[in-house]
Amino acid sequence: MILRTHAALFAVAMALAPAAALATDTDPATLEHDVRALASDAMEGRGAGTPGYQMAVDYVSGRFADIGLQPGGDAAAEGREWVQHFSLVRYDQARDPRMALVGAEGGRGQKLDYQQDFIGGGLASAGEGRVEAEMVFVGYGLDLPQIGYDDLEGIDLTGKIVLWVPSDLEGVDPLLASHLGQTGGDRFAARGAVGSIMLWTPALSERIGWDQVRGYPGRTRGTTWLGPDGTPYDAAAGMQFQLVASPDLSRRLLEGQAMDLDALAAAMASGTTDLPAFDTGKRARVDYAVEIEPRLDTANVVGMLPGTDPALADQYVVMTAHLDHVGVRPGNGPAEDQLYNGAMDNAVGVAMLLETARLMVAAPPRRPVLFVALGAEELGLLGSSYHAANPGLADGEVAVNVNVDMPILTWPFNDIVAFGADRSNIYGAVASAVAGHGLKLVPDPNPDEGFFFRSDQYSYVQRGVPAVYLDVGFGNGGDAAQTAFLESDYHQPSDEVEGIAWDQLTRFADVAHTVARNVADMDTRPVWNAGDVFGTLFGGPVAAAD
């Protein structure tokens, strides 16, 4: 039954596919045809792992082939496939974690109560086990001397349990502050720590009560992908657990130390960036057990176009747009519509990906380009996370990413936002493309929303790759138009093709194509700007300081 269903869906997909054509200008009819096909009811909302998503995969694979790309997915007996398969799993705590404070001689120690004294648990890759180790306090746990934080200098975290406190990082790049607030475990794991315990400070208690958060699982429950070796992916792999201590336990852990909780609170309130790091002389024992449940198998679709300049053949441009949407759910729309077509989110982006590929095949750029229709974005950027970690390139590396995700194309826009472009030397190429289409390049009009972290380009940024995410700005009534879509149609059954202004889709596709081409034709390698914290943080190529 499943095979016959997939065969029928594939037949429909191919029937919807437009005939291949060579051209040097954006073709509005091809764009519209692709959007209508991808957002059709037949594709059932393209939910990851569903027959409808498989239909979308087949459609894009067929279009890549017709356009003239080369397969860039999984290795096969002869060459490569169009798809890059990956599996997703759910992880959760198999049982409540246990924790005790133990003396130098070990023993049973002082038992602590889960949810009363601490929350958290084992990490996705941890399995089941027990850790007994010394605890070391590391202040904010940051190693960014360029912004005044150097908490980890000279501190050996190997085999230790890290005690740390979060910081508001006032006066620091807000994108960096948001990232650092979510990734303490990654930094500690990289330095050999076996676990971490975030201390609950008085400043946190002023914002939110412990009783409000102690039932929250945090990073100890979620969905992730399996690596090629079958291990669940976790950015903090190597550490076994992450915990958060209650206000009372936080006070106990720092009692009698070089800085107790009251002194710590006073230092933080003063705005200091310099907190002492010290061995506490205390040990903790933590027992954890993580269960893994298979969730679904899905795929990215990858097409490759060789470049024309042999000197740049190892510098791949990756252009991305996520193919999945949220599928079929209990309906909120008129007549109890349960099918979420995802026209703006993100059929328009994939259509632009296809159109850029078609135009570049007709006139290839200097660098090779991977065109990747990504899966499982709606589940947490998982398809891009998998591809960024496993690009499958034997003869080069990912040098830059250009991402298109849900530009809201309902009105005559007059400006473009290029998230991330100003952090690297691709800015000139992006700005030139935007200006060439008579548009203004404007900064993020809504930085508090953190859109830089909320689309697939961030998976590549975290691998050290300069990236840009293209969107429309707030000009010419864009603020009201975008607010209206987000309030009424975002992740709703009403996100259908009737809401798209087709002439605006063509205009945006022109910009996306020119940006990708300009970046692919740059004389110099894409690198982070000198001093940019994301280049330093993720170890990517950085321009030399003047």
Protein backbone atom coordinates (compact mmCIF):
# COMPACT_ATOMS: atom_id res chain seq x y z
CA MET A 1 0.00 0.00 0.00
CA ILE A 2 2.79 2.45 0.88
CA LEU A 3 4.73 1.74 -2.29
CA ARG A 4 1.64 2.13 -4.44
CA THR A 5 0.77 5.38 -2.65
CA HIS A 6 4.24 6.79 -3.27
CA ALA A 7 4.09 5.76 -6.89
CA ALA A 8 0.79 7.54 -7.35
CA LEU A 9 2.08 10.67 -5.63
CA PHE A 10 5.21 10.63 -7.79
CA ALA A 11 3.08 10.43 -10.93
CA VAL A 12 1.11 13.48 -9.81
CA ALA A 13 4.34 15.33 -8.99
CA MET A 14 5.79 14.74 -12.42
CA ALA A 15 2.55 15.75 -14.07
CA LEU A 16 2.76 19.06 -12.23
CA ALA A 17 6.38 19.68 -13.22
CA PRO A 18 6.91 22.29 -15.95
CA ALA A 19 8.95 21.46 -19.00
CA ALA A 20 12.61 22.39 -18.72
CA ALA A 21 13.60 25.60 -20.47
CA LEU A 22 16.80 27.55 -20.89
CA ALA A 23 16.66 31.27 -20.25
CA THR A 24 18.72 34.05 -18.74
CA ASP A 25 15.84 35.96 -17.11
CA THR A 26 13.55 34.95 -14.27
CA ASP A 27 10.49 33.23 -15.70
CA PRO A 28 7.33 34.24 -13.78
CA ALA A 29 5.33 31.34 -15.21
CA THR A 30 7.88 28.76 -14.05
CA LEU A 31 8.02 30.30 -10.59
CA GLU A 32 4.27 30.27 -10.23
CA HIS A 33 4.00 26.72 -11.54
CA ASP A 34 6.55 25.47 -9.01
CA VAL A 35 4.84 27.24 -6.11
CA ARG A 36 1.42 25.89 -7.10
CA ALA A 37 2.81 22.37 -7.37
CA LEU A 38 4.59 22.47 -4.02
CA ALA A 39 1.65 24.09 -2.21
CA SER A 40 -0.99 21.89 -3.82
CA ASP A 41 -3.37 19.84 -1.70
CA ALA A 42 -1.82 16.74 -3.29
CA MET A 43 1.37 17.33 -1.28
CA GLU A 44 -0.56 17.27 1.98
CA GLY A 45 1.35 20.10 3.63
CA ARG A 46 4.79 18.51 3.10
CA GLY A 47 5.13 17.36 6.72
CA ALA A 48 8.55 15.77 7.31
CA GLY A 49 8.49 12.01 6.91
CA THR A 50 5.04 11.89 5.29
CA PRO A 51 3.98 10.66 1.83
CA GLY A 52 3.27 14.30 0.95
CA TYR A 53 6.82 15.29 1.80
CA GLN A 54 8.14 12.38 -0.26
CA MET A 55 6.09 13.69 -3.15
CA ALA A 56 7.76 17.09 -2.73
CA VAL A 57 11.19 15.39 -2.63
CA ASP A 58 10.38 13.56 -5.86
CA TYR A 59 9.16 16.78 -7.46
CA VAL A 60 12.30 18.75 -6.59
CA SER A 61 14.57 15.85 -7.58
CA GLY A 62 12.85 15.69 -10.95
CA ARG A 63 13.14 19.43 -11.45
CA PHE A 64 16.85 19.38 -10.53
CA ALA A 65 17.39 16.66 -13.12
CA ASP A 66 15.40 18.52 -15.81
CA ILE A 67 17.27 21.74 -15.06
CA GLY A 68 20.60 19.99 -15.63
CA LEU A 69 22.15 19.81 -12.17
CA GLN A 70 24.21 16.87 -10.95
CA PRO A 71 23.05 14.77 -7.98
CA GLY A 72 24.73 15.88 -4.74
CA GLY A 73 23.09 13.66 -2.12
CA ASP A 74 24.10 10.31 -0.66
CA ALA A 75 26.80 8.25 -2.30
CA ALA A 76 25.39 5.43 -4.43
CA ALA A 77 26.83 2.47 -6.32
CA GLU A 78 27.39 4.76 -9.28
CA GLY A 79 27.78 8.43 -8.45
CA ARG A 80 25.33 10.09 -6.08
CA GLU A 81 21.62 10.21 -5.36
CA TRP A 82 19.49 13.35 -5.44
CA VAL A 83 18.56 12.90 -1.79
CA GLN A 84 20.48 12.98 1.46
CA HIS A 85 18.64 10.72 3.88
CA PHE A 86 18.68 11.25 7.62
CA SER A 87 16.77 9.89 10.59
CA LEU A 88 15.22 11.81 13.46
CA VAL A 89 14.77 10.53 16.99
CA ARG A 90 13.04 11.82 20.10
CA TYR A 91 15.03 11.85 23.32
CA ASP A 92 13.70 12.12 26.85
CA GLN A 93 14.64 11.13 30.37
CA ALA A 94 13.91 7.45 30.95
CA ARG A 95 13.53 8.26 34.64
CA ASP A 96 14.10 11.20 36.93
CA PRO A 97 17.81 11.96 37.31
CA ARG A 98 19.34 11.59 40.77
CA MET A 99 21.93 13.81 42.38
CA ALA A 100 23.88 13.76 45.65
CA LEU A 101 26.61 15.90 47.17
CA VAL A 102 29.45 13.64 48.28
CA GLY A 103 32.56 14.12 50.37
CA ALA A 104 36.13 13.42 49.43
CA GLU A 105 35.73 9.82 50.58
CA GLY A 106 32.64 9.24 48.45
CA GLY A 107 29.86 7.30 50.14
CA ARG A 108 26.15 7.85 49.74
CA GLY A 109 26.38 11.59 50.28
CA GLN A 110 23.57 14.12 50.74
CA LYS A 111 20.70 13.14 48.48
CA LEU A 112 18.98 15.95 46.57
CA ASP A 113 15.42 15.99 45.28
CA TYR A 114 14.60 16.29 41.59
CA GLN A 115 12.44 19.36 40.82
CA GLN A 116 12.79 20.53 44.41
CA ASP A 117 16.57 21.03 44.36
CA PHE A 118 17.40 20.76 40.66
CA ILE A 119 16.01 20.15 37.16
CA GLY A 120 17.56 18.92 33.94
CA GLY A 121 19.03 15.56 33.06
CA GLY A 122 21.14 13.58 30.62
CA LEU A 123 21.93 14.88 27.13
CA ALA A 124 20.70 13.30 23.91
CA SER A 125 23.97 11.47 23.27
CA ALA A 126 24.57 10.42 26.88
CA GLY A 127 22.66 7.13 27.14
CA GLU A 128 22.63 5.85 30.72
CA GLY A 129 25.29 6.26 33.37
CA ARG A 130 26.66 7.78 36.54
CA VAL A 131 29.13 10.62 36.98
CA GLU A 132 30.98 11.49 40.19
CA ALA A 133 33.30 14.45 39.84
CA GLU A 134 34.67 17.62 41.38
CA MET A 135 32.79 20.88 40.87
CA VAL A 136 34.52 24.00 39.59
CA PHE A 137 32.97 27.48 39.43
CA VAL A 138 33.63 29.41 36.20
CA GLY A 139 31.60 32.60 36.57
CA TYR A 140 29.73 33.34 33.35
CA GLY A 141 31.55 30.53 31.59
CA LEU A 142 32.60 32.69 28.64
CA ASP A 143 35.91 32.73 26.80
CA LEU A 144 35.57 35.90 24.73
CA PRO A 145 38.36 38.25 25.84
CA GLN A 146 37.58 40.56 22.91
CA ILE A 147 34.36 41.59 24.67
CA GLY A 148 35.80 41.53 28.18
CA TYR A 149 34.93 37.97 29.26
CA ASP A 150 37.74 35.50 29.86
CA ASP A 151 36.31 33.20 32.52
CA LEU A 152 37.90 29.99 31.25
CA GLU A 153 41.51 31.08 30.80
CA GLY A 154 43.84 28.63 32.50
CA ILE A 155 40.95 26.57 33.92
CA ASP A 156 41.14 22.81 33.43
CA LEU A 157 37.61 21.47 33.00
CA THR A 158 38.62 17.94 32.05
CA GLY A 159 36.46 15.50 33.95
CA LYS A 160 34.87 18.29 36.02
CA ILE A 161 31.31 19.42 36.73
CA VAL A 162 30.99 23.10 35.84
CA LEU A 163 29.08 25.57 38.02
CA TRP A 164 28.16 28.74 36.13
CA VAL A 165 25.76 31.68 36.06
CA PRO A 166 24.01 33.33 33.10
CA SER A 167 24.63 36.97 32.27
CA ASP A 168 22.51 39.59 30.55
CA LEU A 169 25.66 40.72 28.72
CA GLU A 170 24.63 44.37 28.62
CA GLY A 171 26.28 46.35 25.85
CA VAL A 172 27.19 43.20 23.92
CA ASP A 173 26.05 42.39 20.40
CA PRO A 174 22.45 41.17 21.02
CA LEU A 175 22.82 38.31 18.53
CA LEU A 176 25.89 37.10 20.36
CA ALA A 177 24.19 37.47 23.74
CA SER A 178 21.24 35.39 22.57
CA HIS A 179 23.51 32.66 21.23
CA LEU A 180 25.70 32.50 24.32
CA GLY A 181 22.70 32.24 26.58
CA GLN A 182 21.72 29.00 24.87
CA THR A 183 25.07 27.31 24.42
CA GLY A 184 26.94 27.10 27.72
CA GLY A 185 27.12 23.32 27.50
CA ASP A 186 28.76 23.46 24.08
CA ARG A 187 31.66 25.51 25.42
CA PHE A 188 32.13 23.32 28.48
CA ALA A 189 31.96 20.10 26.47
CA ALA A 190 34.66 21.38 24.14
CA ARG A 191 36.94 21.73 27.18
CA GLY A 192 36.31 18.24 28.53
CA ALA A 193 33.67 18.87 31.22
CA VAL A 194 31.43 15.91 32.07
CA GLY A 195 28.47 17.96 33.22
CA SER A 196 27.24 21.43 34.10
CA ILE A 197 25.02 23.00 36.75
CA MET A 198 23.61 26.49 36.17
CA LEU A 199 23.21 28.36 39.44
CA TRP A 200 19.99 30.23 40.13
CA THR A 201 20.83 33.81 41.05
CA PRO A 202 18.73 36.43 42.86
CA ALA A 203 18.52 38.33 39.56
CA LEU A 204 16.81 35.33 37.98
CA SER A 205 14.39 35.09 40.90
CA GLU A 206 13.37 38.69 40.28
CA ARG A 207 12.32 37.80 36.73
CA ILE A 208 10.79 34.37 37.22
CA GLY A 209 10.09 32.17 40.21
CA TRP A 210 11.68 28.76 40.68
CA ASP A 211 8.21 27.25 41.06
CA GLN A 212 7.40 28.42 37.54
CA VAL A 213 10.32 26.63 35.91
CA ARG A 214 11.06 23.56 37.96
CA GLY A 215 8.78 21.38 35.82
CA TYR A 216 10.39 22.57 32.58
CA PRO A 217 12.54 19.89 30.86
CA GLY A 218 14.74 22.32 28.92
CA ARG A 219 17.30 20.67 26.65
CA THR A 220 16.72 17.28 28.23
CA ARG A 221 13.82 16.52 25.89
CA GLY A 222 13.45 17.09 22.17
CA THR A 223 14.15 15.85 18.67
CA THR A 224 17.52 15.47 16.99
CA TRP A 225 19.13 13.63 14.11
CA LEU A 226 21.22 10.49 14.11
CA GLY A 227 24.75 10.85 12.86
CA PRO A 228 26.20 8.41 10.32
CA ASP A 229 27.50 6.36 13.27
CA GLY A 230 24.01 6.12 14.76
CA THR A 231 24.70 8.51 17.67
CA PRO A 232 22.08 11.17 18.43
CA TYR A 233 23.49 14.59 17.63
CA ASP A 234 24.06 17.05 20.46
CA ALA A 235 26.22 20.16 20.20
CA ALA A 236 27.39 19.46 23.75
CA ALA A 237 28.33 15.84 23.01
CA GLY A 238 30.96 14.60 25.42
CA MET A 239 29.16 16.05 28.42
CA GLN A 240 26.75 13.72 30.14
CA PHE A 241 24.21 16.05 31.73
CA GLN A 242 23.05 19.62 32.18
CA LEU A 243 21.27 20.69 35.36
CA VAL A 244 19.86 23.86 36.88
CA ALA A 245 20.14 24.30 40.64
CA SER A 246 17.35 25.76 42.75
CA PRO A 247 17.94 29.02 44.65
CA ASP A 248 18.52 27.06 47.87
CA LEU A 249 20.90 24.56 46.28
CA SER A 250 22.77 27.37 44.51
CA ARG A 251 23.36 29.00 47.87
CA ARG A 252 24.57 25.70 49.38
CA LEU A 253 26.98 25.03 46.53
CA LEU A 254 28.73 28.40 47.00
CA GLU A 255 28.61 28.42 50.81
CA GLY A 256 32.08 28.98 52.25
CA GLN A 257 33.61 29.56 48.81
CA ALA A 258 35.81 32.39 47.55
CA MET A 259 32.55 34.03 46.45
CA ASP A 260 29.24 33.06 48.02
CA LEU A 261 25.84 33.67 46.43
CA ASP A 262 25.33 37.08 48.03
CA ALA A 263 28.74 38.31 46.92
CA LEU A 264 28.10 36.88 43.48
CA ALA A 265 24.76 38.67 43.24
CA ALA A 266 26.35 41.97 44.26
CA ALA A 267 29.14 41.58 41.70
CA MET A 268 26.66 40.78 38.92
CA ALA A 269 24.44 43.72 39.90
CA SER A 270 27.44 46.03 39.59
CA GLY A 271 27.87 44.97 35.98
CA THR A 272 31.26 43.36 36.43
CA THR A 273 32.57 41.10 33.71
CA ASP A 274 35.28 39.73 35.98
CA LEU A 275 34.11 36.91 38.22
CA PRO A 276 36.62 34.59 39.91
CA ALA A 277 36.96 30.96 38.87
CA PHE A 278 37.81 28.40 41.52
CA ASP A 279 37.71 24.76 42.51
CA THR A 280 34.97 24.36 45.10
CA GLY A 281 36.50 21.34 46.81
CA LYS A 282 33.07 19.72 46.57
CA ARG A 283 31.99 16.71 44.59
CA ALA A 284 28.65 15.64 43.15
CA ARG A 285 27.28 12.35 41.90
CA VAL A 286 24.66 12.37 39.16
CA ASP A 287 22.76 9.38 37.77
CA TYR A 288 20.92 9.79 34.46
CA ALA A 289 19.20 7.69 31.84
CA VAL A 290 18.15 8.94 28.41
CA GLU A 291 15.78 7.00 26.19
CA ILE A 292 15.80 7.32 22.43
CA GLU A 293 12.67 6.73 20.36
CA PRO A 294 12.78 6.56 16.55
CA ARG A 295 10.62 9.30 15.13
CA LEU A 296 10.84 9.42 11.34
CA ASP A 297 13.09 9.18 8.31
CA THR A 298 13.29 12.14 5.98
CA ALA A 299 15.68 13.75 3.50
CA ASN A 300 17.26 16.82 1.99
CA VAL A 301 17.36 17.17 -1.80
CA VAL A 302 20.76 18.21 -3.15
CA GLY A 303 21.74 19.28 -6.65
CA MET A 304 25.24 20.37 -7.66
CA LEU A 305 26.48 22.72 -10.37
CA PRO A 306 30.24 22.83 -11.10
CA GLY A 307 31.85 26.25 -11.30
CA THR A 308 33.89 27.65 -14.15
CA ASP A 309 37.04 28.72 -12.27
CA PRO A 310 39.38 25.82 -11.34
CA ALA A 311 41.07 28.03 -8.73
CA LEU A 312 37.77 28.27 -6.83
CA ALA A 313 36.61 24.69 -7.31
CA ASP A 314 36.99 23.82 -3.62
CA GLN A 315 34.83 26.75 -2.40
CA TYR A 316 31.19 25.67 -2.54
CA VAL A 317 28.30 28.10 -2.36
CA VAL A 318 25.31 26.44 -0.69
CA MET A 319 21.94 27.96 -1.56
CA THR A 320 19.13 26.71 0.68
CA ALA A 321 15.38 26.86 1.15
CA HIS A 322 13.40 24.54 3.38
CA LEU A 323 11.04 22.17 1.59
CA ASP A 324 8.98 20.90 4.51
CA HIS A 325 5.96 22.50 6.16
CA VAL A 326 3.73 21.26 8.99
CA GLY A 327 1.50 18.78 7.14
CA VAL A 328 -2.04 17.95 8.19
CA ARG A 329 -3.25 18.93 11.65
CA PRO A 330 -6.57 19.41 13.40
CA GLY A 331 -7.85 22.45 11.58
CA ASN A 332 -8.16 26.03 12.69
CA GLY A 333 -9.26 27.41 9.35
CA PRO A 334 -12.60 27.92 7.63
CA ALA A 335 -14.70 24.76 7.24
CA GLU A 336 -12.25 23.01 9.59
CA ASP A 337 -9.54 22.92 6.94
CA GLN A 338 -6.81 20.61 8.27
CA LEU A 339 -4.28 20.89 5.45
CA TYR A 340 -1.45 23.40 5.87
CA ASN A 341 -0.33 24.12 2.30
CA GLY A 342 2.65 26.30 3.23
CA ALA A 343 2.65 28.45 0.10
CA MET A 344 4.60 31.38 1.58
CA ASP A 345 6.29 29.04 4.08
CA ASN A 346 8.23 27.95 2.11
CA ALA A 347 7.03 26.92 -1.35
CA VAL A 348 8.06 30.36 -2.62
CA GLY A 349 11.59 29.85 -1.30
CA VAL A 350 11.99 26.46 -2.98
CA ALA A 351 10.59 27.86 -6.24
CA MET A 352 13.27 30.58 -6.11
CA LEU A 353 15.90 27.95 -5.39
CA LEU A 354 14.80 26.06 -8.51
CA GLU A 355 14.71 29.19 -10.64
CA THR A 356 18.17 30.28 -9.52
CA ALA A 357 19.47 26.81 -10.38
CA ARG A 358 17.89 27.00 -13.84
CA LEU A 359 19.43 30.40 -14.54
CA MET A 360 22.85 29.34 -13.27
CA VAL A 361 22.91 26.19 -15.39
CA ALA A 362 22.38 28.46 -18.40
CA ALA A 363 25.31 30.64 -17.30
CA PRO A 364 27.42 28.95 -14.58
CA PRO A 365 29.22 31.10 -11.98
CA ARG A 366 32.87 30.80 -11.00
CA ARG A 367 32.32 28.77 -7.82
CA PRO A 368 30.50 25.43 -7.63
CA VAL A 369 27.02 25.67 -6.12
CA LEU A 370 25.00 23.20 -4.07
CA PHE A 371 21.26 23.79 -4.26
CA VAL A 372 19.70 22.20 -1.18
CA ALA A 373 15.97 21.84 -0.50
CA LEU A 374 16.09 21.19 3.22
CA GLY A 375 13.91 18.91 5.31
CA ALA A 376 12.73 19.13 8.92
CA GLU A 377 13.20 22.89 9.28
CA GLU A 378 9.87 23.11 11.04
CA LEU A 379 11.12 20.60 13.63
CA GLY A 380 14.05 22.80 14.63
CA LEU A 381 16.38 23.48 11.65
CA LEU A 382 17.27 19.79 11.67
CA GLY A 383 17.78 19.25 7.94
CA SER A 384 20.20 22.16 7.70
CA SER A 385 21.94 21.08 10.90
CA TYR A 386 22.47 17.64 9.39
CA HIS A 387 23.66 18.95 6.02
CA ALA A 388 25.98 21.56 7.55
CA ALA A 389 27.61 18.78 9.61
CA ASN A 390 27.62 16.29 6.73
CA PRO A 391 27.90 18.18 3.42
CA GLY A 392 29.32 15.13 1.66
CA LEU A 393 32.05 17.03 -0.19
CA ALA A 394 35.14 15.01 -1.04
CA ASP A 395 36.86 17.78 -2.98
CA GLY A 396 36.19 20.99 -1.08
CA GLU A 397 34.20 22.66 1.66
CA VAL A 398 31.20 24.89 2.17
CA ALA A 399 32.45 28.46 1.82
CA VAL A 400 29.21 30.46 2.09
CA ASN A 401 25.45 29.99 2.48
CA VAL A 402 22.61 31.95 0.86
CA ASN A 403 19.24 31.15 2.43
CA VAL A 404 15.69 32.06 1.41
CA ASP A 405 12.89 31.42 3.88
CA MET A 406 9.33 32.75 3.74
CA PRO A 407 9.65 36.26 2.36
CA ILE A 408 6.12 37.63 2.77
CA LEU A 409 5.25 38.66 -0.77
CA THR A 410 1.87 40.35 -0.51
CA TRP A 411 2.67 44.00 -1.34
CA PRO A 412 5.10 46.05 -3.51
CA PHE A 413 8.21 45.88 -1.31
CA ASN A 414 10.96 48.44 -1.74
CA ASP A 415 13.67 47.20 0.62
CA ILE A 416 15.57 44.05 1.51
CA VAL A 417 16.97 42.74 4.78
CA ALA A 418 20.09 40.59 4.45
CA PHE A 419 20.51 38.98 7.86
CA GLY A 420 24.17 38.23 8.57
CA ALA A 421 25.65 39.77 5.42
CA ASP A 422 27.22 42.66 7.32
CA ARG A 423 29.31 40.23 9.36
CA SER A 424 31.46 39.07 6.45
CA ASN A 425 33.03 40.26 3.23
CA ILE A 426 30.02 39.08 1.23
CA TYR A 427 28.26 42.33 2.17
CA GLY A 428 29.48 44.16 -0.93
CA ALA A 429 28.23 41.41 -3.24
CA VAL A 430 24.85 41.40 -1.51
CA ALA A 431 24.52 45.18 -1.43
CA SER A 432 25.43 45.44 -5.11
CA ALA A 433 22.76 42.89 -6.02
CA VAL A 434 20.08 44.69 -4.04
CA ALA A 435 20.99 48.12 -5.43
CA GLY A 436 21.07 46.70 -8.94
CA HIS A 437 17.38 45.95 -8.64
CA GLY A 438 16.54 49.45 -7.45
CA LEU A 439 15.97 48.42 -3.84
CA LYS A 440 17.30 49.59 -0.50
CA LEU A 441 19.34 47.31 1.75
CA VAL A 442 18.21 47.97 5.31
CA PRO A 443 19.21 46.60 8.73
CA ASP A 444 17.05 44.16 10.66
CA PRO A 445 13.93 46.21 11.52
CA ASN A 446 12.97 43.91 14.38
CA PRO A 447 16.18 42.66 16.05
CA ASP A 448 14.42 41.58 19.25
CA GLU A 449 12.76 38.73 17.34
CA GLY A 450 16.13 37.03 16.72
CA PHE A 451 15.37 36.00 13.14
CA PHE A 452 19.09 35.47 12.59
CA PHE A 453 18.79 32.32 14.72
CA ARG A 454 15.45 31.13 13.43
CA SER A 455 16.19 30.00 9.91
CA ASP A 456 18.49 27.49 8.27
CA GLN A 457 21.46 29.74 7.61
CA TYR A 458 22.29 29.60 11.31
CA SER A 459 23.17 25.91 11.04
CA TYR A 460 25.95 26.88 8.63
CA VAL A 461 27.02 29.87 10.74
CA GLN A 462 27.54 27.48 13.65
CA ARG A 463 29.98 25.55 11.45
CA GLY A 464 32.00 28.70 10.81
CA VAL A 465 30.45 29.47 7.41
CA PRO A 466 29.61 33.08 6.48
CA ALA A 467 25.95 33.29 5.51
CA VAL A 468 23.10 35.54 4.49
CA TYR A 469 19.35 35.09 4.94
CA LEU A 470 17.31 37.22 2.53
CA ASP A 471 13.98 38.75 3.46
CA VAL A 472 11.81 41.78 2.75
CA GLY A 473 11.92 44.89 4.92
CA PHE A 474 9.27 47.13 6.46
CA GLY A 475 9.31 49.84 3.77
CA ASN A 476 6.32 50.95 1.69
CA GLY A 477 3.84 49.47 4.16
CA GLY A 478 5.81 46.29 4.76
CA ASP A 479 5.43 46.46 8.53
CA ALA A 480 1.64 46.29 8.32
CA ALA A 481 1.66 43.71 5.52
CA GLN A 482 3.97 41.35 7.36
CA THR A 483 2.13 41.76 10.64
CA ALA A 484 -1.14 40.91 8.90
CA PHE A 485 0.29 37.71 7.42
CA LEU A 486 1.95 36.61 10.65
CA GLU A 487 -1.22 37.19 12.65
CA SER A 488 -3.63 35.57 10.20
CA ASP A 489 -1.80 33.12 7.94
CA TYR A 490 1.54 32.03 9.42
CA HIS A 491 1.35 28.29 10.20
CA GLN A 492 -2.33 28.31 9.34
CA PRO A 493 -4.32 26.50 6.65
CA SER A 494 -4.88 29.91 5.04
CA ASP A 495 -1.24 30.10 3.84
CA GLU A 496 -2.27 29.25 0.29
CA VAL A 497 -1.26 30.43 -3.16
CA GLU A 498 -4.10 32.95 -3.35
CA GLY A 499 -2.20 35.11 -0.87
CA ILE A 500 0.88 35.53 -3.06
CA ALA A 501 1.46 38.62 -5.19
CA TRP A 502 3.07 36.86 -8.17
CA ASP A 503 4.77 39.96 -9.55
CA GLN A 504 6.46 40.46 -6.16
CA LEU A 505 7.63 36.85 -6.16
CA THR A 506 9.33 37.49 -9.50
CA ARG A 507 11.00 40.64 -8.14
CA PHE A 508 12.31 38.84 -5.07
CA ALA A 509 13.49 35.87 -7.16
CA ASP A 510 15.51 38.31 -9.28
CA VAL A 511 17.23 39.57 -6.12
CA ALA A 512 17.89 36.09 -4.74
CA HIS A 513 19.41 34.94 -8.02
CA THR A 514 21.65 38.00 -8.29
CA VAL A 515 22.81 37.71 -4.67
CA ALA A 516 23.72 34.06 -5.13
CA ARG A 517 25.50 34.76 -8.40
CA ASN A 518 27.43 37.74 -7.04
CA VAL A 519 28.61 35.73 -4.05
CA ALA A 520 29.56 32.80 -6.28
CA ASP A 521 31.60 35.15 -8.51
CA MET A 522 33.51 36.99 -5.74
CA ASP A 523 37.23 37.38 -6.37
CA THR A 524 38.10 36.70 -2.72
CA ARG A 525 37.06 33.82 -0.52
CA PRO A 526 34.07 34.57 1.73
CA VAL A 527 35.43 35.27 5.23
CA TRP A 528 34.13 36.76 8.45
CA ASN A 529 35.05 40.37 9.10
CA ALA A 530 38.11 40.93 11.27
CA GLY A 531 37.00 40.95 14.89
CA ASP A 532 33.51 39.59 14.24
CA VAL A 533 32.63 37.44 17.21
CA PHE A 534 30.86 34.78 15.18
CA GLY A 535 33.98 34.15 13.16
CA THR A 536 35.98 33.81 16.36
CA LEU A 537 33.32 31.81 18.15
CA PHE A 538 32.86 29.16 15.47
CA GLY A 539 36.35 28.94 14.06
CA GLY A 540 35.59 30.01 10.50
CA PRO A 541 37.92 31.93 8.18
CA VAL A 542 38.41 35.51 9.37
CA ALA A 543 39.78 38.48 7.43
CA ALA A 544 43.14 39.80 8.53
CA ALA A 545 42.99 42.87 10.74
CA ASP A 546 43.96 46.14 9.10
